[in-house]
Amino acid sequence: MTKIRVLATATLLLLAIVAIVQVSSGSVELHVAVHSDKSDAKCPTACTREYLPVCGSNHKTYANKCLLKVAQCKDASITKLANGKCSE
């Protein structure tokens, strides 16, 4: 395995353990961003888990501004449409 793949696998296993602990404690919110190709290497990957939803121009609700910025990094056409959840 490549060094990046080993690191990604270890990270996912750690996140799975954290998720199990959080679910058992009553907290179930978990956001994970995994980037596998080199074009995403410049995009931010560390976002907080705070839930302050924002609506993107692609009509997808992002849990917070940081996750919207990750999406914008991958697709520059995405903009912030509004604060709060997108209407369905």
PDB file of N, CA and C in Angstrom:
ATOM      1  N   MET A   1       0.839  -1.193   0.000  1.00  0.00           N
ATOM      2  CA  MET A   1       0.000   0.000   0.000  1.00  0.00           C
ATOM      3  C   MET A   1       0.878   1.248   0.000  1.00  0.00           C
ATOM      4  N   THR A   2       0.355   2.276  -0.609  1.00  0.00           N
ATOM      5  CA  THR A   2       1.098   3.527  -0.588  1.00  0.00           C
ATOM      6  C   THR A   2       0.975   4.168   0.788  1.00  0.00           C
ATOM      7  N   LYS A   3       1.899   5.039   1.083  1.00  0.00           N
ATOM      8  CA  LYS A   3       1.912   5.718   2.385  1.00  0.00           C
ATOM      9  C   LYS A   3       0.611   6.491   2.611  1.00  0.00           C
ATOM     10  N   ILE A   4       0.112   7.155   1.566  1.00  0.00           N
ATOM     11  CA  ILE A   4      -1.129   7.935   1.686  1.00  0.00           C
ATOM     12  C   ILE A   4      -2.315   7.021   1.964  1.00  0.00           C
ATOM     13  N   ARG A   5      -2.365   5.880   1.283  1.00  0.00           N
ATOM     14  CA  ARG A   5      -3.472   4.943   1.483  1.00  0.00           C
ATOM     15  C   ARG A   5      -3.462   4.381   2.904  1.00  0.00           C
ATOM     16  N   VAL A   6      -2.287   4.061   3.414  1.00  0.00           N
ATOM     17  CA  VAL A   6      -2.174   3.556   4.789  1.00  0.00           C
ATOM     18  C   VAL A   6      -2.648   4.620   5.770  1.00  0.00           C
ATOM     19  N   LEU A   7      -2.216   5.857   5.556  1.00  0.00           N
ATOM     20  CA  LEU A   7      -2.627   6.956   6.427  1.00  0.00           C
ATOM     21  C   LEU A   7      -4.137   7.172   6.350  1.00  0.00           C
ATOM     22  N   ALA A   8      -4.692   7.125   5.143  1.00  0.00           N
ATOM     23  CA  ALA A   8      -6.137   7.309   4.976  1.00  0.00           C
ATOM     24  C   ALA A   8      -6.908   6.190   5.668  1.00  0.00           C
ATOM     25  N   THR A   9      -6.435   4.952   5.530  1.00  0.00           N
ATOM     26  CA  THR A   9      -7.099   3.815   6.173  1.00  0.00           C
ATOM     27  C   THR A   9      -7.047   3.944   7.693  1.00  0.00           C
ATOM     28  N   ALA A  10      -5.890   4.310   8.221  1.00  0.00           N
ATOM     29  CA  ALA A  10      -5.757   4.484   9.670  1.00  0.00           C
ATOM     30  C   ALA A  10      -6.654   5.606  10.167  1.00  0.00           C
ATOM     31  N   THR A  11      -6.733   6.683   9.401  1.00  0.00           N
ATOM     32  CA  THR A  11      -7.586   7.813   9.781  1.00  0.00           C
ATOM     33  C   THR A  11      -9.048   7.397   9.803  1.00  0.00           C
ATOM     34  N   LEU A  12      -9.478   6.661   8.789  1.00  0.00           N
ATOM     35  CA  LEU A  12     -10.872   6.213   8.747  1.00  0.00           C
ATOM     36  C   LEU A  12     -11.194   5.270   9.901  1.00  0.00           C
ATOM     37  N   LEU A  13     -10.264   4.391  10.244  1.00  0.00           N
ATOM     38  CA  LEU A  13     -10.489   3.498  11.384  1.00  0.00           C
ATOM     39  C   LEU A  13     -10.617   4.290  12.680  1.00  0.00           C
ATOM     40  N   LEU A  14      -9.761   5.277  12.860  1.00  0.00           N
ATOM     41  CA  LEU A  14      -9.841   6.120  14.048  1.00  0.00           C
ATOM     42  C   LEU A  14     -11.167   6.872  14.089  1.00  0.00           C
ATOM     43  N   LEU A  15     -11.594   7.406  12.953  1.00  0.00           N
ATOM     44  CA  LEU A  15     -12.873   8.116  12.906  1.00  0.00           C
ATOM     45  C   LEU A  15     -14.042   7.184  13.202  1.00  0.00           C
ATOM     46  N   ALA A  16     -13.948   5.934  12.753  1.00  0.00           N
ATOM     47  CA  ALA A  16     -15.005   4.965  13.043  1.00  0.00           C
ATOM     48  C   ALA A  16     -15.093   4.706  14.548  1.00  0.00           C
ATOM     49  N   ILE A  17     -13.959   4.587  15.191  1.00  0.00           N
ATOM     50  CA  ILE A  17     -13.944   4.380  16.645  1.00  0.00           C
ATOM     51  C   ILE A  17     -14.538   5.592  17.356  1.00  0.00           C
ATOM     52  N   VAL A  18     -14.150   6.782  16.933  1.00  0.00           N
ATOM     53  CA  VAL A  18     -14.697   8.006  17.523  1.00  0.00           C
ATOM     54  C   VAL A  18     -16.206   8.061  17.316  1.00  0.00           C
ATOM     55  N   ALA A  19     -16.671   7.688  16.132  1.00  0.00           N
ATOM     56  CA  ALA A  19     -18.105   7.705  15.842  1.00  0.00           C
ATOM     57  C   ALA A  19     -18.853   6.746  16.757  1.00  0.00           C
ATOM     58  N   ILE A  20     -18.304   5.568  16.981  1.00  0.00           N
ATOM     59  CA  ILE A  20     -18.951   4.591  17.862  1.00  0.00           C
ATOM     60  C   ILE A  20     -19.053   5.147  19.276  1.00  0.00           C
ATOM     61  N   VAL A  21     -17.992   5.759  19.759  1.00  0.00           N
ATOM     62  CA  VAL A  21     -18.005   6.351  21.101  1.00  0.00           C
ATOM     63  C   VAL A  21     -19.037   7.468  21.173  1.00  0.00           C
ATOM     64  N   GLN A  22     -19.109   8.311  20.158  1.00  0.00           N
ATOM     65  CA  GLN A  22     -20.058   9.417  20.162  1.00  0.00           C
ATOM     66  C   GLN A  22     -21.496   8.920  20.101  1.00  0.00           C
ATOM     67  N   VAL A  23     -21.752   7.907  19.294  1.00  0.00           N
ATOM     68  CA  VAL A  23     -23.107   7.363  19.205  1.00  0.00           C
ATOM     69  C   VAL A  23     -23.523   6.794  20.549  1.00  0.00           C
ATOM     70  N   SER A  24     -22.608   6.102  21.208  1.00  0.00           N
ATOM     71  CA  SER A  24     -22.956   5.517  22.500  1.00  0.00           C
ATOM     72  C   SER A  24     -23.149   6.583  23.574  1.00  0.00           C
ATOM     73  N   SER A  25     -22.585   7.774  23.363  1.00  0.00           N
ATOM     74  CA  SER A  25     -22.757   8.846  24.344  1.00  0.00           C
ATOM     75  C   SER A  25     -23.919   9.772  23.991  1.00  0.00           C
ATOM     76  N   GLY A  26     -24.601   9.499  22.887  1.00  0.00           N
ATOM     77  CA  GLY A  26     -25.760  10.295  22.506  1.00  0.00           C
ATOM     78  C   GLY A  26     -25.480  11.341  21.448  1.00  0.00           C
ATOM     79  N   SER A  27     -24.233  11.563  21.101  1.00  0.00           N
ATOM     80  CA  SER A  27     -23.880  12.532  20.070  1.00  0.00           C
ATOM     81  C   SER A  27     -23.652  11.780  18.768  1.00  0.00           C
ATOM     82  N   VAL A  28     -24.409  12.107  17.728  1.00  0.00           N
ATOM     83  CA  VAL A  28     -24.318  11.329  16.500  1.00  0.00           C
ATOM     84  C   VAL A  28     -23.831  12.122  15.294  1.00  0.00           C
ATOM     85  N   GLU A  29     -23.525  13.391  15.447  1.00  0.00           N
ATOM     86  CA  GLU A  29     -23.099  14.204  14.310  1.00  0.00           C
ATOM     87  C   GLU A  29     -21.627  13.965  14.015  1.00  0.00           C
ATOM     88  N   LEU A  30     -21.322  13.542  12.784  1.00  0.00           N
ATOM     89  CA  LEU A  30     -19.952  13.303  12.383  1.00  0.00           C
ATOM     90  C   LEU A  30     -19.801  13.686  10.925  1.00  0.00           C
ATOM     91  N   HIS A  31     -18.830  14.530  10.625  1.00  0.00           N
ATOM     92  CA  HIS A  31     -18.566  14.957   9.251  1.00  0.00           C
ATOM     93  C   HIS A  31     -17.158  14.529   8.895  1.00  0.00           C
ATOM     94  N   VAL A  32     -17.033  13.826   7.793  1.00  0.00           N
ATOM     95  CA  VAL A  32     -15.730  13.348   7.366  1.00  0.00           C
ATOM     96  C   VAL A  32     -15.493  13.776   5.929  1.00  0.00           C
ATOM     97  N   ALA A  33     -14.352  14.359   5.667  1.00  0.00           N
ATOM     98  CA  ALA A  33     -13.973  14.697   4.296  1.00  0.00           C
ATOM     99  C   ALA A  33     -12.734  13.893   3.950  1.00  0.00           C
ATOM    100  N   VAL A  34     -12.846  13.057   2.928  1.00  0.00           N
ATOM    101  CA  VAL A  34     -11.724  12.243   2.496  1.00  0.00           C
ATOM    102  C   VAL A  34     -11.386  12.636   1.073  1.00  0.00           C
ATOM    103  N   HIS A  35     -10.124  12.944   0.846  1.00  0.00           N
ATOM    104  CA  HIS A  35      -9.677  13.346  -0.482  1.00  0.00           C
ATOM    105  C   HIS A  35      -8.701  12.301  -0.982  1.00  0.00           C
ATOM    106  N   SER A  36      -8.978  11.742  -2.165  1.00  0.00           N
ATOM    107  CA  SER A  36      -8.125  10.668  -2.638  1.00  0.00           C
ATOM    108  C   SER A  36      -7.301  11.020  -3.862  1.00  0.00           C
ATOM    109  N   ASP A  37      -7.691  12.038  -4.630  1.00  0.00           N
ATOM    110  CA  ASP A  37      -6.864  12.357  -5.789  1.00  0.00           C
ATOM    111  C   ASP A  37      -6.055  13.621  -5.543  1.00  0.00           C
ATOM    112  N   LYS A  38      -4.988  13.758  -6.298  1.00  0.00           N
ATOM    113  CA  LYS A  38      -4.043  14.843  -6.046  1.00  0.00           C
ATOM    114  C   LYS A  38      -4.626  16.220  -6.325  1.00  0.00           C
ATOM    115  N   SER A  39      -5.663  16.322  -7.155  1.00  0.00           N
ATOM    116  CA  SER A  39      -6.250  17.628  -7.454  1.00  0.00           C
ATOM    117  C   SER A  39      -6.916  18.242  -6.226  1.00  0.00           C
ATOM    118  N   ASP A  40      -7.297  17.415  -5.262  1.00  0.00           N
ATOM    119  CA  ASP A  40      -7.928  17.904  -4.040  1.00  0.00           C
ATOM    120  C   ASP A  40      -6.906  18.278  -2.970  1.00  0.00           C
ATOM    121  N   ALA A  41      -5.638  18.014  -3.217  1.00  0.00           N
ATOM    122  CA  ALA A  41      -4.611  18.214  -2.194  1.00  0.00           C
ATOM    123  C   ALA A  41      -4.557  19.654  -1.700  1.00  0.00           C
ATOM    124  N   LYS A  42      -4.915  20.620  -2.531  1.00  0.00           N
ATOM    125  CA  LYS A  42      -4.852  22.019  -2.128  1.00  0.00           C
ATOM    126  C   LYS A  42      -6.097  22.461  -1.364  1.00  0.00           C
ATOM    127  N   CYS A  43      -7.136  21.658  -1.354  1.00  0.00           N
ATOM    128  CA  CYS A  43      -8.385  22.016  -0.675  1.00  0.00           C
ATOM    129  C   CYS A  43      -8.270  21.754   0.827  1.00  0.00           C
ATOM    130  N   PRO A  44      -8.897  22.606   1.646  1.00  0.00           N
ATOM    131  CA  PRO A  44      -8.871  22.383   3.095  1.00  0.00           C
ATOM    132  C   PRO A  44      -9.612  21.094   3.446  1.00  0.00           C
ATOM    133  N   THR A  45      -9.163  20.423   4.481  1.00  0.00           N
ATOM    134  CA  THR A  45      -9.825  19.182   4.882  1.00  0.00           C
ATOM    135  C   THR A  45     -10.234  19.173   6.345  1.00  0.00           C
ATOM    136  N   ALA A  46      -9.710  20.073   7.133  1.00  0.00           N
ATOM    137  CA  ALA A  46     -10.016  20.074   8.560  1.00  0.00           C
ATOM    138  C   ALA A  46     -11.102  21.099   8.858  1.00  0.00           C
ATOM    139  N   CYS A  47     -12.293  20.611   9.150  1.00  0.00           N
ATOM    140  CA  CYS A  47     -13.421  21.478   9.501  1.00  0.00           C
ATOM    141  C   CYS A  47     -13.938  21.086  10.876  1.00  0.00           C
ATOM    142  N   THR A  48     -14.468  22.048  11.578  1.00  0.00           N
ATOM    143  CA  THR A  48     -15.070  21.746  12.877  1.00  0.00           C
ATOM    144  C   THR A  48     -16.380  21.010  12.650  1.00  0.00           C
ATOM    145  N   ARG A  49     -16.935  20.459  13.710  1.00  0.00           N
ATOM    146  CA  ARG A  49     -18.198  19.742  13.608  1.00  0.00           C
ATOM    147  C   ARG A  49     -19.376  20.614  14.012  1.00  0.00           C
ATOM    148  N   GLU A  50     -19.144  21.908  14.192  1.00  0.00           N
ATOM    149  CA  GLU A  50     -20.251  22.790  14.568  1.00  0.00           C
ATOM    150  C   GLU A  50     -21.332  22.739  13.486  1.00  0.00           C
ATOM    151  N   TYR A  51     -22.572  22.839  13.909  1.00  0.00           N
ATOM    152  CA  TYR A  51     -23.679  22.794  12.961  1.00  0.00           C
ATOM    153  C   TYR A  51     -24.293  24.180  12.850  1.00  0.00           C
ATOM    154  N   LEU A  52     -23.844  24.911  11.846  1.00  0.00           N
ATOM    155  CA  LEU A  52     -24.385  26.221  11.494  1.00  0.00           C
ATOM    156  C   LEU A  52     -24.633  26.159   9.991  1.00  0.00           C
ATOM    157  N   PRO A  53     -25.750  25.533   9.575  1.00  0.00           N
ATOM    158  CA  PRO A  53     -25.958  25.209   8.164  1.00  0.00           C
ATOM    159  C   PRO A  53     -25.968  26.417   7.233  1.00  0.00           C
ATOM    160  N   VAL A  54     -25.446  26.181   6.038  1.00  0.00           N
ATOM    161  CA  VAL A  54     -25.488  27.165   4.962  1.00  0.00           C
ATOM    162  C   VAL A  54     -25.937  26.448   3.695  1.00  0.00           C
ATOM    163  N   CYS A  55     -26.636  27.188   2.845  1.00  0.00           N
ATOM    164  CA  CYS A  55     -27.156  26.625   1.601  1.00  0.00           C
ATOM    165  C   CYS A  55     -26.246  27.036   0.452  1.00  0.00           C
ATOM    166  N   GLY A  56     -25.785  26.061  -0.313  1.00  0.00           N
ATOM    167  CA  GLY A  56     -24.950  26.335  -1.475  1.00  0.00           C
ATOM    168  C   GLY A  56     -25.799  26.563  -2.717  1.00  0.00           C
ATOM    169  N   SER A  57     -25.198  27.192  -3.712  1.00  0.00           N
ATOM    170  CA  SER A  57     -25.915  27.470  -4.960  1.00  0.00           C
ATOM    171  C   SER A  57     -26.280  26.189  -5.709  1.00  0.00           C
ATOM    172  N   ASN A  58     -25.698  25.060  -5.303  1.00  0.00           N
ATOM    173  CA  ASN A  58     -26.059  23.768  -5.876  1.00  0.00           C
ATOM    174  C   ASN A  58     -27.241  23.144  -5.116  1.00  0.00           C
ATOM    175  N   HIS A  59     -27.851  23.949  -4.243  1.00  0.00           N
ATOM    176  CA  HIS A  59     -29.012  23.565  -3.426  1.00  0.00           C
ATOM    177  C   HIS A  59     -28.706  22.404  -2.483  1.00  0.00           C
ATOM    178  N   LYS A  60     -27.453  22.333  -2.063  1.00  0.00           N
ATOM    179  CA  LYS A  60     -27.037  21.359  -1.062  1.00  0.00           C
ATOM    180  C   LYS A  60     -26.793  22.105   0.238  1.00  0.00           C
ATOM    181  N   THR A  61     -27.291  21.548   1.344  1.00  0.00           N
ATOM    182  CA  THR A  61     -27.061  22.144   2.655  1.00  0.00           C
ATOM    183  C   THR A  61     -25.738  21.625   3.206  1.00  0.00           C
ATOM    184  N   TYR A  62     -24.867  22.549   3.587  1.00  0.00           N
ATOM    185  CA  TYR A  62     -23.583  22.209   4.199  1.00  0.00           C
ATOM    186  C   TYR A  62     -23.696  22.489   5.690  1.00  0.00           C
ATOM    187  N   ALA A  63     -23.103  21.641   6.507  1.00  0.00           N
ATOM    188  CA  ALA A  63     -23.225  21.763   7.961  1.00  0.00           C
ATOM    189  C   ALA A  63     -22.636  23.064   8.492  1.00  0.00           C
ATOM    190  N   ASN A  64     -21.651  23.605   7.791  1.00  0.00           N
ATOM    191  CA  ASN A  64     -21.054  24.875   8.210  1.00  0.00           C
ATOM    192  C   ASN A  64     -20.299  25.498   7.040  1.00  0.00           C
ATOM    193  N   LYS A  65     -19.815  26.720   7.247  1.00  0.00           N
ATOM    194  CA  LYS A  65     -19.116  27.455   6.182  1.00  0.00           C
ATOM    195  C   LYS A  65     -17.855  26.738   5.717  1.00  0.00           C
ATOM    196  N   CYS A  66     -17.164  26.091   6.627  1.00  0.00           N
ATOM    197  CA  CYS A  66     -15.931  25.400   6.271  1.00  0.00           C
ATOM    198  C   CYS A  66     -16.200  24.306   5.241  1.00  0.00           C
ATOM    199  N   LEU A  67     -17.250  23.515   5.457  1.00  0.00           N
ATOM    200  CA  LEU A  67     -17.570  22.450   4.514  1.00  0.00           C
ATOM    201  C   LEU A  67     -18.013  23.019   3.170  1.00  0.00           C
ATOM    202  N   LEU A  68     -18.660  24.177   3.188  1.00  0.00           N
ATOM    203  CA  LEU A  68     -19.001  24.855   1.935  1.00  0.00           C
ATOM    204  C   LEU A  68     -17.724  25.280   1.216  1.00  0.00           C
ATOM    205  N   LYS A  69     -16.749  25.778   1.958  1.00  0.00           N
ATOM    206  CA  LYS A  69     -15.480  26.200   1.345  1.00  0.00           C
ATOM    207  C   LYS A  69     -14.741  25.019   0.716  1.00  0.00           C
ATOM    208  N   VAL A  70     -14.827  23.844   1.329  1.00  0.00           N
ATOM    209  CA  VAL A  70     -14.224  22.647   0.739  1.00  0.00           C
ATOM    210  C   VAL A  70     -14.893  22.360  -0.603  1.00  0.00           C
ATOM    211  N   ALA A  71     -16.225  22.432  -0.635  1.00  0.00           N
ATOM    212  CA  ALA A  71     -16.957  22.203  -1.884  1.00  0.00           C
ATOM    213  C   ALA A  71     -16.595  23.255  -2.927  1.00  0.00           C
ATOM    214  N   GLN A  72     -16.458  24.510  -2.498  1.00  0.00           N
ATOM    215  CA  GLN A  72     -16.092  25.591  -3.416  1.00  0.00           C
ATOM    216  C   GLN A  72     -14.687  25.386  -3.978  1.00  0.00           C
ATOM    217  N   CYS A  73     -13.801  24.846  -3.178  1.00  0.00           N
ATOM    218  CA  CYS A  73     -12.440  24.583  -3.635  1.00  0.00           C
ATOM    219  C   CYS A  73     -12.453  23.552  -4.762  1.00  0.00           C
ATOM    220  N   LYS A  74     -13.324  22.564  -4.638  1.00  0.00           N
ATOM    221  CA  LYS A  74     -13.432  21.516  -5.655  1.00  0.00           C
ATOM    222  C   LYS A  74     -14.211  21.981  -6.875  1.00  0.00           C
ATOM    223  N   ASP A  75     -15.174  22.882  -6.671  1.00  0.00           N
ATOM    224  CA  ASP A  75     -16.027  23.366  -7.765  1.00  0.00           C
ATOM    225  C   ASP A  75     -16.255  24.861  -7.565  1.00  0.00           C
ATOM    226  N   ALA A  76     -15.504  25.669  -8.288  1.00  0.00           N
ATOM    227  CA  ALA A  76     -15.537  27.123  -8.110  1.00  0.00           C
ATOM    228  C   ALA A  76     -16.885  27.741  -8.454  1.00  0.00           C
ATOM    229  N   SER A  77     -17.757  26.996  -9.123  1.00  0.00           N
ATOM    230  CA  SER A  77     -19.066  27.556  -9.480  1.00  0.00           C
ATOM    231  C   SER A  77     -20.030  27.581  -8.293  1.00  0.00           C
ATOM    232  N   ILE A  78     -19.704  26.864  -7.218  1.00  0.00           N
ATOM    233  CA  ILE A  78     -20.574  26.831  -6.038  1.00  0.00           C
ATOM    234  C   ILE A  78     -20.362  28.101  -5.222  1.00  0.00           C
ATOM    235  N   THR A  79     -21.458  28.746  -4.869  1.00  0.00           N
ATOM    236  CA  THR A  79     -21.416  29.933  -4.022  1.00  0.00           C
ATOM    237  C   THR A  79     -22.376  29.734  -2.856  1.00  0.00           C
ATOM    238  N   LYS A  80     -22.268  30.609  -1.869  1.00  0.00           N
ATOM    239  CA  LYS A  80     -23.197  30.570  -0.739  1.00  0.00           C
ATOM    240  C   LYS A  80     -24.492  31.233  -1.181  1.00  0.00           C
ATOM    241  N   LEU A  81     -25.585  30.492  -1.095  1.00  0.00           N
ATOM    242  CA  LEU A  81     -26.887  31.016  -1.476  1.00  0.00           C
ATOM    243  C   LEU A  81     -27.552  31.717  -0.298  1.00  0.00           C
ATOM    244  N   ALA A  82     -27.490  31.095   0.882  1.00  0.00           N
ATOM    245  CA  ALA A  82     -28.147  31.672   2.057  1.00  0.00           C
ATOM    246  C   ALA A  82     -27.648  30.998   3.326  1.00  0.00           C
ATOM    247  N   ASN A  83     -27.827  31.670   4.457  1.00  0.00           N
ATOM    248  CA  ASN A  83     -27.594  31.043   5.748  1.00  0.00           C
ATOM    249  C   ASN A  83     -28.757  30.107   6.017  1.00  0.00           C
ATOM    250  N   GLY A  84     -28.500  29.013   6.712  1.00  0.00           N
ATOM    251  CA  GLY A  84     -29.547  28.054   7.032  1.00  0.00           C
ATOM    252  C   GLY A  84     -29.639  26.951   5.995  1.00  0.00           C
ATOM    253  N   LYS A  85     -30.538  26.009   6.271  1.00  0.00           N
ATOM    254  CA  LYS A  85     -30.740  24.871   5.376  1.00  0.00           C
ATOM    255  C   LYS A  85     -31.358  25.318   4.061  1.00  0.00           C
ATOM    256  N   CYS A  86     -31.042  24.588   3.003  1.00  0.00           N
ATOM    257  CA  CYS A  86     -31.685  24.837   1.709  1.00  0.00           C
ATOM    258  C   CYS A  86     -33.136  24.366   1.803  1.00  0.00           C
ATOM    259  N   SER A  87     -34.029  25.079   1.147  1.00  0.00           N
ATOM    260  CA  SER A  87     -35.421  24.617   1.130  1.00  0.00           C
ATOM    261  C   SER A  87     -35.513  23.430   0.189  1.00  0.00           C
ATOM    262  N   GLU A  88     -36.348  22.490   0.556  1.00  0.00           N
ATOM    263  CA  GLU A  88     -36.433  21.247  -0.228  1.00  0.00           C
ATOM    264  C   GLU A  88     -37.386  21.336  -1.362  1.00  0.00           C
TER     265      GLU A  88
END
